Structure formats: structure tokens, C-alpha cells
PDB file of N, CA and C in Angstrom:
ATOM      1  N   UNK A   1       0.760  -1.499  -0.018  1.00  0.00           N
ATOM      2  CA  UNK A   1       0.023   0.061   0.082  1.00  0.00           C
ATOM      3  C   UNK A   1       0.725   1.250   0.160  1.00  0.00           C
ATOM      4  N   UNK A   2       0.667   2.073  -0.495  1.00  0.00           N
ATOM      5  CA  UNK A   2       1.449   3.276  -0.615  1.00  0.00           C
ATOM      6  C   UNK A   2       0.659   4.673  -0.455  1.00  0.00           C
ATOM      7  N   UNK A   3       1.182   5.364   0.511  1.00  0.00           N
ATOM      8  CA  UNK A   3       0.770   6.703   0.607  1.00  0.00           C
ATOM      9  C   UNK A   3       1.030   7.933  -0.707  1.00  0.00           C
ATOM     10  N   UNK A   4       0.203   8.564  -1.060  1.00  0.00           N
ATOM     11  CA  UNK A   4       1.059   9.678  -2.160  1.00  0.00           C
ATOM     12  C   UNK A   4       0.751  11.129  -0.976  1.00  0.00           C
ATOM     13  N   UNK A   5       1.510  11.868  -1.047  1.00  0.00           N
ATOM     14  CA  UNK A   5       1.640  13.324  -0.303  1.00  0.00           C
ATOM     15  C   UNK A   5       1.757  14.222  -1.622  1.00  0.00           C
ATOM     16  N   UNK A   6       1.214  15.011  -1.801  1.00  0.00           N
ATOM     17  CA  UNK A   6       1.240  15.984  -2.430  1.00  0.00           C
ATOM     18  C   UNK A   6       1.313  17.576  -1.836  1.00  0.00           C
ATOM     19  N   UNK A   7       1.195  18.731  -2.783  1.00  0.00           N
ATOM     20  CA  UNK A   7       1.463  20.402  -2.585  1.00  0.00           C
ATOM     21  C   UNK A   7       2.572  20.372  -1.710  1.00  0.00           C
ATOM     22  N   UNK A   8       3.420  19.838  -2.362  1.00  0.00           N
ATOM     23  CA  UNK A   8       4.957  19.806  -1.485  1.00  0.00           C
ATOM     24  C   UNK A   8       5.666  21.250  -1.910  1.00  0.00           C
ATOM     25  N   UNK A   9       6.230  21.806  -0.841  1.00  0.00           N
ATOM     26  CA  UNK A   9       6.504  23.640  -1.287  1.00  0.00           C
ATOM     27  C   UNK A   9       7.860  23.317  -2.255  1.00  0.00           C
ATOM     28  N   UNK A  10       7.911  24.316  -2.779  1.00  0.00           N
ATOM     29  CA  UNK A  10       8.845  24.343  -4.071  1.00  0.00           C
ATOM     30  C   UNK A  10      10.634  24.527  -2.990  1.00  0.00           C
ATOM     31  N   UNK A  11      10.199  24.815  -2.027  1.00  0.00           N
ATOM     32  CA  UNK A  11      11.616  25.487  -0.659  1.00  0.00           C
ATOM     33  C   UNK A  11      12.186  23.875  -0.298  1.00  0.00           C
ATOM     34  N   UNK A  12      11.402  22.989  -0.228  1.00  0.00           N
ATOM     35  CA  UNK A  12      11.872  21.954   0.098  1.00  0.00           C
ATOM     36  C   UNK A  12      12.927  20.735  -0.794  1.00  0.00           C
ATOM     37  N   UNK A  13      13.825  20.843  -0.244  1.00  0.00           N
ATOM     38  CA  UNK A  13      14.470  19.342  -0.862  1.00  0.00           C
ATOM     39  C   UNK A  13      14.183  18.139  -0.562  1.00  0.00           C
ATOM     40  N   UNK A  14      14.648  17.141  -1.442  1.00  0.00           N
ATOM     41  CA  UNK A  14      14.159  15.983  -1.450  1.00  0.00           C
ATOM     42  C   UNK A  14      14.424  15.080   0.420  1.00  0.00           C
ATOM     43  N   UNK A  15      15.813  15.318   0.518  1.00  0.00           N
ATOM     44  CA  UNK A  15      15.876  15.248   1.778  1.00  0.00           C
ATOM     45  C   UNK A  15      15.248  15.986   2.734  1.00  0.00           C
ATOM     46  N   UNK A  16      15.084  16.809   2.921  1.00  0.00           N
ATOM     47  CA  UNK A  16      13.984  17.431   3.654  1.00  0.00           C
ATOM     48  C   UNK A  16      12.295  16.942   3.852  1.00  0.00           C
ATOM     49  N   UNK A  17      12.065  16.670   2.676  1.00  0.00           N
ATOM     50  CA  UNK A  17      10.789  15.632   2.685  1.00  0.00           C
ATOM     51  C   UNK A  17      11.020  14.391   3.217  1.00  0.00           C
ATOM     52  N   UNK A  18      11.836  13.734   2.642  1.00  0.00           N
ATOM     53  CA  UNK A  18      11.845  12.326   2.940  1.00  0.00           C
ATOM     54  C   UNK A  18      12.284  12.264   4.587  1.00  0.00           C
ATOM     55  N   UNK A  19      13.004  13.131   5.208  1.00  0.00           N
ATOM     56  CA  UNK A  19      13.124  13.074   6.486  1.00  0.00           C
ATOM     57  C   UNK A  19      11.964  13.565   7.657  1.00  0.00           C
ATOM     58  N   UNK A  20      11.103  14.501   7.022  1.00  0.00           N
ATOM     59  CA  UNK A  20       9.820  14.511   7.851  1.00  0.00           C
ATOM     60  C   UNK A  20       9.103  13.449   7.673  1.00  0.00           C
ATOM     61  N   UNK A  21       8.669  13.024   6.451  1.00  0.00           N
ATOM     62  CA  UNK A  21       7.875  11.904   6.321  1.00  0.00           C
ATOM     63  C   UNK A  21       8.379  10.536   7.323  1.00  0.00           C
ATOM     64  N   UNK A  22       9.707  10.602   7.031  1.00  0.00           N
ATOM     65  CA  UNK A  22      10.127   9.375   7.686  1.00  0.00           C
ATOM     66  C   UNK A  22      10.041   9.435   9.311  1.00  0.00           C
ATOM     67  N   UNK A  23      10.334  10.983  10.026  1.00  0.00           N
ATOM     68  CA  UNK A  23       9.784  10.852  11.042  1.00  0.00           C
ATOM     69  C   UNK A  23       8.519  10.927  11.721  1.00  0.00           C
ATOM     70  N   UNK A  24       7.560  11.252  10.752  1.00  0.00           N
ATOM     71  CA  UNK A  24       6.129  11.569  11.097  1.00  0.00           C
ATOM     72  C   UNK A  24       5.420   9.983  10.753  1.00  0.00           C
ATOM     73  N   UNK A  25       5.907   9.030  10.388  1.00  0.00           N
ATOM     74  CA  UNK A  25       5.173   8.182   9.770  1.00  0.00           C
ATOM     75  C   UNK A  25       5.967   6.941  10.365  1.00  0.00           C
ATOM     76  N   UNK A  26       7.063   7.141  10.834  1.00  0.00           N
ATOM     77  CA  UNK A  26       7.849   6.280  11.989  1.00  0.00           C
ATOM     78  C   UNK A  26       8.314   4.481  11.471  1.00  0.00           C
ATOM     79  N   UNK A  27       7.667   3.786  11.975  1.00  0.00           N
ATOM     80  CA  UNK A  27       7.742   2.593  11.555  1.00  0.00           C
ATOM     81  C   UNK A  27       6.939   1.891  10.562  1.00  0.00           C
ATOM     82  N   UNK A  28       6.028   2.872   9.993  1.00  0.00           N
ATOM     83  CA  UNK A  28       5.070   2.261   8.892  1.00  0.00           C
ATOM     84  C   UNK A  28       5.663   2.783   7.710  1.00  0.00           C
ATOM     85  N   UNK A  29       6.842   3.339   7.660  1.00  0.00           N
ATOM     86  CA  UNK A  29       7.556   4.013   6.501  1.00  0.00           C
ATOM     87  C   UNK A  29       8.230   3.286   5.676  1.00  0.00           C
ATOM     88  N   UNK A  30       8.230   2.226   4.827  1.00  0.00           N
ATOM     89  CA  UNK A  30       9.159   1.392   4.262  1.00  0.00           C
ATOM     90  C   UNK A  30      10.156   1.796   3.168  1.00  0.00           C
ATOM     91  N   UNK A  31       9.485   3.250   2.378  1.00  0.00           N
ATOM     92  CA  UNK A  31      10.099   3.459   1.549  1.00  0.00           C
ATOM     93  C   UNK A  31      10.026   4.772   0.995  1.00  0.00           C
ATOM     94  N   UNK A  32      10.575   5.972   0.894  1.00  0.00           N
ATOM     95  CA  UNK A  32       9.862   7.231   0.568  1.00  0.00           C
ATOM     96  C   UNK A  32      10.547   7.364  -0.923  1.00  0.00           C
ATOM     97  N   UNK A  33      10.219   8.070  -1.679  1.00  0.00           N
ATOM     98  CA  UNK A  33      10.731   8.408  -2.753  1.00  0.00           C
ATOM     99  C   UNK A  33       9.870  10.092  -3.141  1.00  0.00           C
ATOM    100  N   UNK A  34      10.745  10.984  -3.163  1.00  0.00           N
ATOM    101  CA  UNK A  34      10.453  12.159  -3.334  1.00  0.00           C
ATOM    102  C   UNK A  34      10.498  12.270  -5.221  1.00  0.00           C
ATOM    103  N   UNK A  35       9.769  12.644  -5.593  1.00  0.00           N
ATOM    104  CA  UNK A  35       9.586  13.127  -7.320  1.00  0.00           C
ATOM    105  C   UNK A  35       9.278  14.659  -7.194  1.00  0.00           C
ATOM    106  N   UNK A  36      10.150  14.817  -8.280  1.00  0.00           N
ATOM    107  CA  UNK A  36      10.448  16.625  -9.151  1.00  0.00           C
ATOM    108  C   UNK A  36      10.497  17.267  -7.398  1.00  0.00           C
ATOM    109  N   UNK A  37      11.543  17.153  -6.675  1.00  0.00           N
ATOM    110  CA  UNK A  37      11.363  18.294  -5.554  1.00  0.00           C
ATOM    111  C   UNK A  37      11.898  19.218  -5.795  1.00  0.00           C
ATOM    112  N   UNK A  38      11.613  20.682  -5.451  1.00  0.00           N
ATOM    113  CA  UNK A  38      12.209  21.877  -5.843  1.00  0.00           C
ATOM    114  C   UNK A  38      11.288  22.405  -6.708  1.00  0.00           C
ATOM    115  N   UNK A  39      10.169  21.783  -7.492  1.00  0.00           N
ATOM    116  CA  UNK A  39       9.715  22.457  -8.802  1.00  0.00           C
ATOM    117  C   UNK A  39       8.008  22.068  -8.309  1.00  0.00           C
ATOM    118  N   UNK A  40       7.117  22.918  -9.416  1.00  0.00           N
ATOM    119  CA  UNK A  40       6.030  22.681  -8.652  1.00  0.00           C
ATOM    120  C   UNK A  40       5.471  21.455  -9.065  1.00  0.00           C
ATOM    121  N   UNK A  41       4.175  21.085  -8.437  1.00  0.00           N
ATOM    122  CA  UNK A  41       4.007  19.773  -8.670  1.00  0.00           C
ATOM    123  C   UNK A  41       5.001  18.741  -7.828  1.00  0.00           C
ATOM    124  N   UNK A  42       5.527  19.026  -6.909  1.00  0.00           N
ATOM    125  CA  UNK A  42       6.536  17.990  -6.522  1.00  0.00           C
ATOM    126  C   UNK A  42       5.513  17.266  -5.632  1.00  0.00           C
ATOM    127  N   UNK A  43       5.793  15.910  -5.616  1.00  0.00           N
ATOM    128  CA  UNK A  43       5.070  14.906  -4.616  1.00  0.00           C
ATOM    129  C   UNK A  43       6.301  13.953  -4.013  1.00  0.00           C
ATOM    130  N   UNK A  44       5.356  12.993  -3.326  1.00  0.00           N
ATOM    131  CA  UNK A  44       6.338  11.560  -2.490  1.00  0.00           C
ATOM    132  C   UNK A  44       5.050  10.759  -2.513  1.00  0.00           C
ATOM    133  N   UNK A  45       5.463   9.603  -2.589  1.00  0.00           N
ATOM    134  CA  UNK A  45       5.110   8.351  -2.619  1.00  0.00           C
ATOM    135  C   UNK A  45       5.997   7.504  -1.671  1.00  0.00           C
ATOM    136  N   UNK A  46       4.703   7.094  -0.236  1.00  0.00           N
ATOM    137  CA  UNK A  46       5.736   6.328   0.538  1.00  0.00           C
ATOM    138  C   UNK A  46       4.812   5.198   0.386  1.00  0.00           C
ATOM    139  N   UNK A  47       5.786   3.808   0.413  1.00  0.00           N
ATOM    140  CA  UNK A  47       5.359   2.518   0.493  1.00  0.00           C
ATOM    141  C   UNK A  47       5.293   1.960   2.098  1.00  0.00           C
ATOM    142  N   UNK A  48       3.492   1.744   2.422  1.00  0.00           N
ATOM    143  CA  UNK A  48       3.638   1.665   3.750  1.00  0.00           C
ATOM    144  C   UNK A  48       4.286   0.198   4.370  1.00  0.00           C
ATOM    145  N   UNK A  49       4.373  -0.180   5.542  1.00  0.00           N
ATOM    146  CA  UNK A  49       4.381  -1.267   6.113  1.00  0.00           C
ATOM    147  C   UNK A  49       3.127  -1.436   6.871  1.00  0.00           C
ATOM    148  N   UNK A  50       1.935  -1.990   5.954  1.00  0.00           N
ATOM    149  CA  UNK A  50       1.027  -2.034   6.636  1.00  0.00           C
ATOM    150  C   UNK A  50      -0.130  -2.767   5.246  1.00  0.00           C
ATOM    151  N   UNK A  51      -0.721  -3.680   6.312  1.00  0.00           N
ATOM    152  CA  UNK A  51      -1.260  -4.824   5.151  1.00  0.00           C
ATOM    153  C   UNK A  51      -2.919  -4.493   5.215  1.00  0.00           C
ATOM    154  N   UNK A  52      -3.332  -4.083   6.253  1.00  0.00           N
ATOM    155  CA  UNK A  52      -4.645  -3.581   6.447  1.00  0.00           C
ATOM    156  C   UNK A  52      -4.722  -2.515   5.760  1.00  0.00           C
ATOM    157  N   UNK A  53      -6.121  -2.491   4.636  1.00  0.00           N
ATOM    158  CA  UNK A  53      -6.536  -0.702   4.118  1.00  0.00           C
ATOM    159  C   UNK A  53      -6.686   0.336   4.418  1.00  0.00           C
ATOM    160  N   UNK A  54      -7.209  -0.091   5.648  1.00  0.00           N
ATOM    161  CA  UNK A  54      -7.854   1.229   6.535  1.00  0.00           C
ATOM    162  C   UNK A  54      -6.794   1.846   7.090  1.00  0.00           C
ATOM    163  N   UNK A  55      -5.472   1.008   7.556  1.00  0.00           N
ATOM    164  CA  UNK A  55      -4.702   1.734   8.365  1.00  0.00           C
ATOM    165  C   UNK A  55      -3.958   2.769   7.048  1.00  0.00           C
ATOM    166  N   UNK A  56      -3.803   2.690   6.060  1.00  0.00           N
ATOM    167  CA  UNK A  56      -2.982   3.246   5.070  1.00  0.00           C
ATOM    168  C   UNK A  56      -4.254   4.861   4.783  1.00  0.00           C
ATOM    169  N   UNK A  57      -5.805   4.673   5.219  1.00  0.00           N
ATOM    170  CA  UNK A  57      -6.375   5.740   5.326  1.00  0.00           C
ATOM    171  C   UNK A  57      -6.011   6.883   6.355  1.00  0.00           C
ATOM    172  N   UNK A  58      -6.041   6.133   7.863  1.00  0.00           N
ATOM    173  CA  UNK A  58      -5.690   6.478   8.898  1.00  0.00           C
ATOM    174  C   UNK A  58      -4.410   7.206   8.754  1.00  0.00           C
ATOM    175  N   UNK A  59      -3.535   7.004   8.256  1.00  0.00           N
ATOM    176  CA  UNK A  59      -2.084   7.293   7.945  1.00  0.00           C
ATOM    177  C   UNK A  59      -2.131   8.773   7.341  1.00  0.00           C
ATOM    178  N   UNK A  60      -2.907   8.627   5.783  1.00  0.00           N
ATOM    179  CA  UNK A  60      -3.039   9.791   5.178  1.00  0.00           C
ATOM    180  C   UNK A  60      -3.833  10.946   5.997  1.00  0.00           C
ATOM    181  N   UNK A  61      -4.868  10.387   6.859  1.00  0.00           N
ATOM    182  CA  UNK A  61      -5.638  11.799   7.522  1.00  0.00           C
ATOM    183  C   UNK A  61      -4.327  12.244   8.813  1.00  0.00           C
ATOM    184  N   UNK A  62      -3.570  11.645   9.110  1.00  0.00           N
ATOM    185  CA  UNK A  62      -2.694  12.023  10.027  1.00  0.00           C
ATOM    186  C   UNK A  62      -1.773  13.195   9.563  1.00  0.00           C
ATOM    187  N   UNK A  63      -1.569  13.015   8.342  1.00  0.00           N
ATOM    188  CA  UNK A  63      -0.566  13.748   7.517  1.00  0.00           C
ATOM    189  C   UNK A  63      -0.929  15.006   6.719  1.00  0.00           C
ATOM    190  N   UNK A  64      -2.598  14.617   6.462  1.00  0.00           N
ATOM    191  CA  UNK A  64      -3.159  15.191   5.535  1.00  0.00           C
ATOM    192  C   UNK A  64      -3.285  16.927   6.285  1.00  0.00           C
ATOM    193  N   UNK A  65      -2.887  17.844   6.263  1.00  0.00           N
ATOM    194  CA  UNK A  65      -3.129  19.082   6.532  1.00  0.00           C
ATOM    195  C   UNK A  65      -1.891  19.415   7.350  1.00  0.00           C
ATOM    196  N   UNK A  66      -0.944  18.762   7.443  1.00  0.00           N
ATOM    197  CA  UNK A  66       0.398  19.102   8.160  1.00  0.00           C
ATOM    198  C   UNK A  66       1.030  20.310   7.642  1.00  0.00           C
ATOM    199  N   UNK A  67       1.989  20.997   8.088  1.00  0.00           N
ATOM    200  CA  UNK A  67       2.882  22.119   7.682  1.00  0.00           C
ATOM    201  C   UNK A  67       3.889  21.468   7.192  1.00  0.00           C
ATOM    202  N   UNK A  68       4.711  21.834   6.110  1.00  0.00           N
ATOM    203  CA  UNK A  68       5.940  21.368   5.381  1.00  0.00           C
ATOM    204  C   UNK A  68       7.014  22.644   4.634  1.00  0.00           C
ATOM    205  N   UNK A  69       7.307  23.133   5.179  1.00  0.00           N
ATOM    206  CA  UNK A  69       7.830  24.599   4.405  1.00  0.00           C
ATOM    207  C   UNK A  69       6.778  25.481   4.304  1.00  0.00           C
ATOM    208  N   UNK A  70       5.939  25.745   5.190  1.00  0.00           N
ATOM    209  CA  UNK A  70       5.120  26.833   5.018  1.00  0.00           C
ATOM    210  C   UNK A  70       3.919  26.363   4.053  1.00  0.00           C
ATOM    211  N   UNK A  71       3.717  25.327   3.557  1.00  0.00           N
ATOM    212  CA  UNK A  71       2.720  25.012   2.533  1.00  0.00           C
ATOM    213  C   UNK A  71       2.067  23.937   3.692  1.00  0.00           C
ATOM    214  N   UNK A  72       0.761  23.731   3.101  1.00  0.00           N
ATOM    215  CA  UNK A  72      -0.401  22.463   3.987  1.00  0.00           C
ATOM    216  C   UNK A  72      -0.194  21.468   3.024  1.00  0.00           C
ATOM    217  N   UNK A  73       0.170  20.515   3.678  1.00  0.00           N
ATOM    218  CA  UNK A  73       0.363  18.797   2.512  1.00  0.00           C
ATOM    219  C   UNK A  73      -0.970  18.229   2.400  1.00  0.00           C
ATOM    220  N   UNK A  74      -1.343  17.517   1.194  1.00  0.00           N
ATOM    221  CA  UNK A  74      -2.069  17.125   0.807  1.00  0.00           C
ATOM    222  C   UNK A  74      -1.889  15.477   0.675  1.00  0.00           C
ATOM    223  N   UNK A  75      -2.769  14.438   1.700  1.00  0.00           N
ATOM    224  CA  UNK A  75      -1.884  12.959   1.479  1.00  0.00           C
ATOM    225  C   UNK A  75      -3.598  12.300   1.115  1.00  0.00           C
ATOM    226  N   UNK A  76      -3.168  11.015   0.575  1.00  0.00           N
ATOM    227  CA  UNK A  76      -4.094  10.269   0.162  1.00  0.00           C
ATOM    228  C   UNK A  76      -3.387   8.829   0.179  1.00  0.00           C
ATOM    229  N   UNK A  77      -4.105   7.611   0.637  1.00  0.00           N
ATOM    230  CA  UNK A  77      -3.789   6.070   0.806  1.00  0.00           C
ATOM    231  C   UNK A  77      -4.214   5.778  -1.080  1.00  0.00           C
ATOM    232  N   UNK A  78      -3.210   4.897  -1.526  1.00  0.00           N
ATOM    233  CA  UNK A  78      -3.365   4.794  -2.543  1.00  0.00           C
ATOM    234  C   UNK A  78      -3.895   2.977  -2.605  1.00  0.00           C
ATOM    235  N   UNK A  79      -4.829   2.274  -2.122  1.00  0.00           N
ATOM    236  CA  UNK A  79      -4.844   1.049  -2.307  1.00  0.00           C
ATOM    237  C   UNK A  79      -4.995   0.065  -3.177  1.00  0.00           C
ATOM    238  N   UNK A  80      -4.356   0.886  -4.652  1.00  0.00           N
ATOM    239  CA  UNK A  80      -3.736   0.067  -5.940  1.00  0.00           C
ATOM    240  C   UNK A  80      -2.233  -0.200  -6.072  1.00  0.00           C
ATOM    241  N   UNK A  81      -1.647  -1.098  -5.797  1.00  0.00           N
ATOM    242  CA  UNK A  81       0.031  -0.893  -6.203  1.00  0.00           C
ATOM    243  C   UNK A  81       0.092  -1.986  -6.846  1.00  0.00           C
ATOM    244  N   UNK A  82       1.541  -2.163  -7.298  1.00  0.00           N
ATOM    245  CA  UNK A  82       2.045  -3.358  -8.516  1.00  0.00           C
ATOM    246  C   UNK A  82       2.287  -4.146  -7.771  1.00  0.00           C
ATOM    247  N   UNK A  83       1.932  -4.487  -6.612  1.00  0.00           N
ATOM    248  CA  UNK A  83       2.698  -5.845  -6.021  1.00  0.00           C
ATOM    249  C   UNK A  83       1.307  -6.765  -5.737  1.00  0.00           C
ATOM    250  N   UNK A  84       1.656  -7.916  -6.086  1.00  0.00           N
ATOM    251  CA  UNK A  84       0.358  -8.838  -5.741  1.00  0.00           C
ATOM    252  C   UNK A  84      -0.071  -9.108  -4.873  1.00  0.00           C
ATOM    253  N   UNK A  85      -1.539  -9.517  -4.058  1.00  0.00           N
ATOM    254  CA  UNK A  85      -1.834  -9.736  -3.132  1.00  0.00           C
ATOM    255  C   UNK A  85      -1.114 -10.912  -2.589  1.00  0.00           C
ATOM    256  N   UNK A  86      -1.122 -10.696  -0.848  1.00  0.00           N
ATOM    257  CA  UNK A  86      -0.362 -11.547   0.002  1.00  0.00           C
ATOM    258  C   UNK A  86      -1.066 -12.794  -0.318  1.00  0.00           C
ATOM    259  N   UNK A  87      -0.240 -13.803  -0.244  1.00  0.00           N
ATOM    260  CA  UNK A  87      -1.262 -15.284  -0.061  1.00  0.00           C
ATOM    261  C   UNK A  87      -1.358 -15.322   1.609  1.00  0.00           C
ATOM    262  N   UNK A  88      -2.694 -15.973   1.716  1.00  0.00           N
ATOM    263  CA  UNK A  88      -3.325 -16.651   2.985  1.00  0.00           C
ATOM    264  C   UNK A  88      -2.661 -17.660   3.249  1.00  0.00           C
TER     265      UNK A  88
END
């Protein structure tokens, strides 16, 4: 499951965004990728270490509205990933 974080300030570096999200998400953040840092439309994807879909929504709500670089972040959970479903 992935978390998509949008509305990242142009003044924020890739490292700043990665550190912020890693700190905010703690052990839930498996991998953070920042796309187009320093440009308009920059965003980040976070691979979440969570198997239950509603956890992604809860995490997205926690990040949504937080401030980074003086800008309010927008976050949403992406329930559809390229990974196959886990076998039961």
C-alpha cells in the first residue's frame, strides 16, 4: 500500500521531505520516494508497512493538513499497488 503526499513546497529539498515523512510515519514508512523536489507539482510516494487497507487511510488523515515548508500537505492512500496480493 502506498501513501501519496502532494502540495510539497518548492523550497523543500528531497532530503527534507524524506526526513519529515520518515519522522512523521515512523515504522510505517518502508520506502519514501520524492518526485520533482524543488519544482511545482512535487510529490512523494511512501510505501507503507501495513497490510490492512484502513491503516493507509488513517495514516493519510494524520499527514493531510500538516505543514512542511510553510505549505499544507495533501495526502491520500493508494490502495492499488503493482504488488500482487499476499497469499493467505
